[in-house]
PDB file of N, CA and C in Angstrom:
ATOM      1  N   MET A   1     -41.616  51.876 112.305  1.00  0.00           N
ATOM      2  CA  MET A   1     -41.860  51.056 111.129  1.00  0.00           C
ATOM      3  C   MET A   1     -43.038  51.561 110.280  1.00  0.00           C
ATOM      4  N   PRO A   2     -44.164  51.962 110.897  1.00  0.00           N
ATOM      5  CA  PRO A   2     -45.284  52.444 110.072  1.00  0.00           C
ATOM      6  C   PRO A   2     -44.919  53.686 109.263  1.00  0.00           C
ATOM      7  N   ASN A   3     -44.007  54.508 109.762  1.00  0.00           N
ATOM      8  CA  ASN A   3     -43.609  55.710 109.042  1.00  0.00           C
ATOM      9  C   ASN A   3     -42.921  55.346 107.726  1.00  0.00           C
ATOM     10  N   ASN A   4     -42.074  54.312 107.745  1.00  0.00           N
ATOM     11  CA  ASN A   4     -41.398  53.865 106.537  1.00  0.00           C
ATOM     12  C   ASN A   4     -42.402  53.334 105.515  1.00  0.00           C
ATOM     13  N   ARG A   5     -43.429  52.658 105.990  1.00  0.00           N
ATOM     14  CA  ARG A   5     -44.443  52.106 105.086  1.00  0.00           C
ATOM     15  C   ARG A   5     -45.216  53.241 104.404  1.00  0.00           C
ATOM     16  N   ASN A   6     -45.513  54.310 105.144  1.00  0.00           N
ATOM     17  CA  ASN A   6     -46.219  55.449 104.560  1.00  0.00           C
ATOM     18  C   ASN A   6     -45.382  56.130 103.478  1.00  0.00           C
ATOM     19  N   VAL A   7     -44.092  56.246 103.723  1.00  0.00           N
ATOM     20  CA  VAL A   7     -43.203  56.850 102.731  1.00  0.00           C
ATOM     21  C   VAL A   7     -43.154  55.977 101.480  1.00  0.00           C
ATOM     22  N   LEU A   8     -43.115  54.670 101.648  1.00  0.00           N
ATOM     23  CA  LEU A   8     -43.101  53.757 100.507  1.00  0.00           C
ATOM     24  C   LEU A   8     -44.380  53.897  99.683  1.00  0.00           C
ATOM     25  N   PHE A   9     -45.526  53.958 100.347  1.00  0.00           N
ATOM     26  CA  PHE A   9     -46.789  54.133  99.628  1.00  0.00           C
ATOM     27  C   PHE A   9     -46.831  55.478  98.911  1.00  0.00           C
ATOM     28  N   LEU A  10     -46.270  56.504  99.522  1.00  0.00           N
ATOM     29  CA  LEU A  10     -46.222  57.824  98.897  1.00  0.00           C
ATOM     30  C   LEU A  10     -45.372  57.790  97.626  1.00  0.00           C
ATOM     31  N   ILE A  11     -44.237  57.137  97.680  1.00  0.00           N
ATOM     32  CA  ILE A  11     -43.355  57.026  96.514  1.00  0.00           C
ATOM     33  C   ILE A  11     -44.038  56.236  95.403  1.00  0.00           C
ATOM     34  N   ILE A  12     -44.660  55.119  95.739  1.00  0.00           N
ATOM     35  CA  ILE A  12     -45.356  54.305  94.734  1.00  0.00           C
ATOM     36  C   ILE A  12     -46.505  55.097  94.111  1.00  0.00           C
ATOM     37  N   GLY A  13     -47.261  55.828  94.922  1.00  0.00           N
ATOM     38  CA  GLY A  13     -48.347  56.649  94.399  1.00  0.00           C
ATOM     39  C   GLY A  13     -47.845  57.731  93.458  1.00  0.00           C
ATOM     40  N   ALA A  14     -46.747  58.371  93.820  1.00  0.00           N
ATOM     41  CA  ALA A  14     -46.168  59.415  92.960  1.00  0.00           C
ATOM     42  C   ALA A  14     -45.711  58.828  91.629  1.00  0.00           C
ATOM     43  N   LEU A  15     -45.111  57.636  91.662  1.00  0.00           N
ATOM     44  CA  LEU A  15     -44.681  56.993  90.422  1.00  0.00           C
ATOM     45  C   LEU A  15     -45.863  56.641  89.530  1.00  0.00           C
ATOM     46  N   VAL A  16     -46.961  56.186  90.112  1.00  0.00           N
ATOM     47  CA  VAL A  16     -48.157  55.863  89.335  1.00  0.00           C
ATOM     48  C   VAL A  16     -48.706  57.127  88.658  1.00  0.00           C
ATOM     49  N   VAL A  17     -48.730  58.232  89.392  1.00  0.00           N
ATOM     50  CA  VAL A  17     -49.215  59.492  88.816  1.00  0.00           C
ATOM     51  C   VAL A  17     -48.301  59.955  87.684  1.00  0.00           C
ATOM     52  N   VAL A  18     -46.999  59.875  87.877  1.00  0.00           N
ATOM     53  CA  VAL A  18     -46.046  60.293  86.841  1.00  0.00           C
ATOM     54  C   VAL A  18     -46.206  59.432  85.595  1.00  0.00           C
ATOM     55  N   LEU A  19     -46.340  58.126  85.763  1.00  0.00           N
ATOM     56  CA  LEU A  19     -46.529  57.248  84.603  1.00  0.00           C
ATOM     57  C   LEU A  19     -47.836  57.559  83.877  1.00  0.00           C
ATOM     58  N   GLY A  20     -48.873  57.886  84.616  1.00  0.00           N
ATOM     59  CA  GLY A  20     -50.142  58.254  83.989  1.00  0.00           C
ATOM     60  C   GLY A  20     -50.020  59.525  83.166  1.00  0.00           C
ATOM     61  N   VAL A  21     -49.345  60.521  83.695  1.00  0.00           N
ATOM     62  CA  VAL A  21     -49.170  61.786  82.973  1.00  0.00           C
ATOM     63  C   VAL A  21     -48.329  61.580  81.719  1.00  0.00           C
ATOM     64  N   VAL A  22     -47.256  60.826  81.830  1.00  0.00           N
ATOM     65  CA  VAL A  22     -46.393  60.562  80.670  1.00  0.00           C
ATOM     66  C   VAL A  22     -47.162  59.785  79.600  1.00  0.00           C
ATOM     67  N   GLY A  23     -47.930  58.790  80.001  1.00  0.00           N
ATOM     68  CA  GLY A  23     -48.725  58.025  79.043  1.00  0.00           C
ATOM     69  C   GLY A  23     -49.756  58.884  78.337  1.00  0.00           C
ATOM     70  N   TYR A  24     -50.418  59.773  79.075  1.00  0.00           N
ATOM     71  CA  TYR A  24     -51.411  60.657  78.472  1.00  0.00           C
ATOM     72  C   TYR A  24     -50.752  61.610  77.475  1.00  0.00           C
ATOM     73  N   ASN A  25     -49.597  62.153  77.820  1.00  0.00           N
ATOM     74  CA  ASN A  25     -48.892  63.057  76.903  1.00  0.00           C
ATOM     75  C   ASN A  25     -48.462  62.340  75.635  1.00  0.00           C
ATOM     76  N   LEU A  26     -47.985  61.120  75.750  1.00  0.00           N
ATOM     77  CA  LEU A  26     -47.612  60.352  74.563  1.00  0.00           C
ATOM     78  C   LEU A  26     -48.827  60.060  73.697  1.00  0.00           C
ATOM     79  N   TYR A  27     -49.959  59.760  74.312  1.00  0.00           N
ATOM     80  CA  TYR A  27     -51.194  59.524  73.569  1.00  0.00           C
ATOM     81  C   TYR A  27     -51.620  60.777  72.806  1.00  0.00           C
ATOM     82  N   GLN A  28     -51.522  61.937  73.433  1.00  0.00           N
ATOM     83  CA  GLN A  28     -51.915  63.181  72.772  1.00  0.00           C
ATOM     84  C   GLN A  28     -50.999  63.507  71.593  1.00  0.00           C
ATOM     85  N   GLU A  29     -49.723  63.173  71.689  1.00  0.00           N
ATOM     86  CA  GLU A  29     -48.792  63.430  70.589  1.00  0.00           C
ATOM     87  C   GLU A  29     -49.101  62.550  69.383  1.00  0.00           C
ATOM     88  N   LYS A  30     -49.496  61.306  69.601  1.00  0.00           N
ATOM     89  CA  LYS A  30     -49.740  60.372  68.508  1.00  0.00           C
ATOM     90  C   LYS A  30     -51.094  60.592  67.841  1.00  0.00           C
ATOM     91  N   LYS A  31     -52.029  61.249  68.553  1.00  0.00           N
ATOM     92  CA  LYS A  31     -53.374  61.450  68.031  1.00  0.00           C
ATOM     93  C   LYS A  31     -53.346  62.420  66.855  1.00  0.00           C
ATOM     94  N   GLU A  32     -54.153  62.123  65.846  1.00  0.00           N
ATOM     95  CA  GLU A  32     -54.248  62.995  64.677  1.00  0.00           C
ATOM     96  C   GLU A  32     -54.911  64.315  65.064  1.00  0.00           C
ATOM     97  N   PRO A  33     -54.385  65.410  64.586  1.00  0.00           N
ATOM     98  CA  PRO A  33     -55.032  66.689  64.872  1.00  0.00           C
ATOM     99  C   PRO A  33     -56.366  66.794  64.124  1.00  0.00           C
ATOM    100  N   GLN A  34     -57.330  67.475  64.727  1.00  0.00           N
ATOM    101  CA  GLN A  34     -58.625  67.657  64.099  1.00  0.00           C
ATOM    102  C   GLN A  34     -58.774  69.105  63.665  1.00  0.00           C
ATOM    103  N   GLY A  35     -59.543  69.308  62.607  1.00  0.00           N
ATOM    104  CA  GLY A  35     -59.815  70.661  62.158  1.00  0.00           C
ATOM    105  C   GLY A  35     -59.386  70.861  60.722  1.00  0.00           C
ATOM    106  N   LEU A  36     -59.050  72.070  60.394  1.00  0.00           N
ATOM    107  CA  LEU A  36     -58.688  72.465  59.039  1.00  0.00           C
ATOM    108  C   LEU A  36     -57.175  72.630  58.962  1.00  0.00           C
ATOM    109  N   GLN A  37     -56.590  72.071  57.884  1.00  0.00           N
ATOM    110  CA  GLN A  37     -55.142  72.189  57.697  1.00  0.00           C
ATOM    111  C   GLN A  37     -54.898  72.892  56.365  1.00  0.00           C
ATOM    112  N   ILE A  38     -54.100  73.946  56.397  1.00  0.00           N
ATOM    113  CA  ILE A  38     -53.785  74.721  55.201  1.00  0.00           C
ATOM    114  C   ILE A  38     -52.286  74.629  54.968  1.00  0.00           C
ATOM    115  N   ASN A  39     -51.904  74.153  53.773  1.00  0.00           N
ATOM    116  CA  ASN A  39     -50.493  74.029  53.410  1.00  0.00           C
ATOM    117  C   ASN A  39     -50.212  74.885  52.182  1.00  0.00           C
ATOM    118  N   VAL A  40     -49.108  75.622  52.236  1.00  0.00           N
ATOM    119  CA  VAL A  40     -48.651  76.398  51.083  1.00  0.00           C
ATOM    120  C   VAL A  40     -47.295  75.841  50.702  1.00  0.00           C
ATOM    121  N   GLY A  41     -47.190  75.348  49.474  1.00  0.00           N
ATOM    122  CA  GLY A  41     -45.945  74.749  49.028  1.00  0.00           C
ATOM    123  C   GLY A  41     -45.700  75.040  47.567  1.00  0.00           C
ATOM    124  N   PRO A  42     -44.744  74.327  46.991  1.00  0.00           N
ATOM    125  CA  PRO A  42     -44.413  74.567  45.575  1.00  0.00           C
ATOM    126  C   PRO A  42     -45.572  74.228  44.631  1.00  0.00           C
ATOM    127  N   ASP A  43     -46.481  73.369  45.050  1.00  0.00           N
ATOM    128  CA  ASP A  43     -47.617  73.004  44.206  1.00  0.00           C
ATOM    129  C   ASP A  43     -48.789  73.954  44.391  1.00  0.00           C
ATOM    130  N   GLY A  44     -48.661  74.943  45.244  1.00  0.00           N
ATOM    131  CA  GLY A  44     -49.724  75.902  45.460  1.00  0.00           C
ATOM    132  C   GLY A  44     -50.368  75.737  46.823  1.00  0.00           C
ATOM    133  N   LEU A  45     -51.608  76.206  46.938  1.00  0.00           N
ATOM    134  CA  LEU A  45     -52.349  76.194  48.187  1.00  0.00           C
ATOM    135  C   LEU A  45     -53.146  74.892  48.284  1.00  0.00           C
ATOM    136  N   LYS A  46     -53.061  74.248  49.432  1.00  0.00           N
ATOM    137  CA  LYS A  46     -53.768  72.976  49.646  1.00  0.00           C
ATOM    138  C   LYS A  46     -54.503  73.071  50.975  1.00  0.00           C
ATOM    139  N   ILE A  47     -55.829  72.836  50.935  1.00  0.00           N
ATOM    140  CA  ILE A  47     -56.678  72.906  52.135  1.00  0.00           C
ATOM    141  C   ILE A  47     -57.280  71.531  52.375  1.00  0.00           C
ATOM    142  N   GLU A  48     -57.092  71.004  53.575  1.00  0.00           N
ATOM    143  CA  GLU A  48     -57.632  69.681  53.937  1.00  0.00           C
ATOM    144  C   GLU A  48     -58.490  69.813  55.175  1.00  0.00           C
ATOM    145  N   ASN A  49     -59.619  69.128  55.178  1.00  0.00           N
ATOM    146  CA  ASN A  49     -60.484  69.065  56.350  1.00  0.00           C
ATOM    147  C   ASN A  49     -60.197  67.756  57.057  1.00  0.00           C
ATOM    148  N   LYS A  50     -59.735  67.816  58.292  1.00  0.00           N
ATOM    149  CA  LYS A  50     -59.377  66.604  59.041  1.00  0.00           C
ATOM    150  C   LYS A  50     -60.503  66.204  59.938  1.00  0.00           C
TER     151      LYS A  50
END
């Protein structure tokens, strides 16, 4: 019986880690990029400091 409990805790721990990694990746995608942005388009050259 204790062996089954250890496997259950291992699975729950792995799921918590996976959810943490996925949440962090989603946060990084939504965050605004910092630095200098250079755009070249039909209106010419546009430089923005973020």
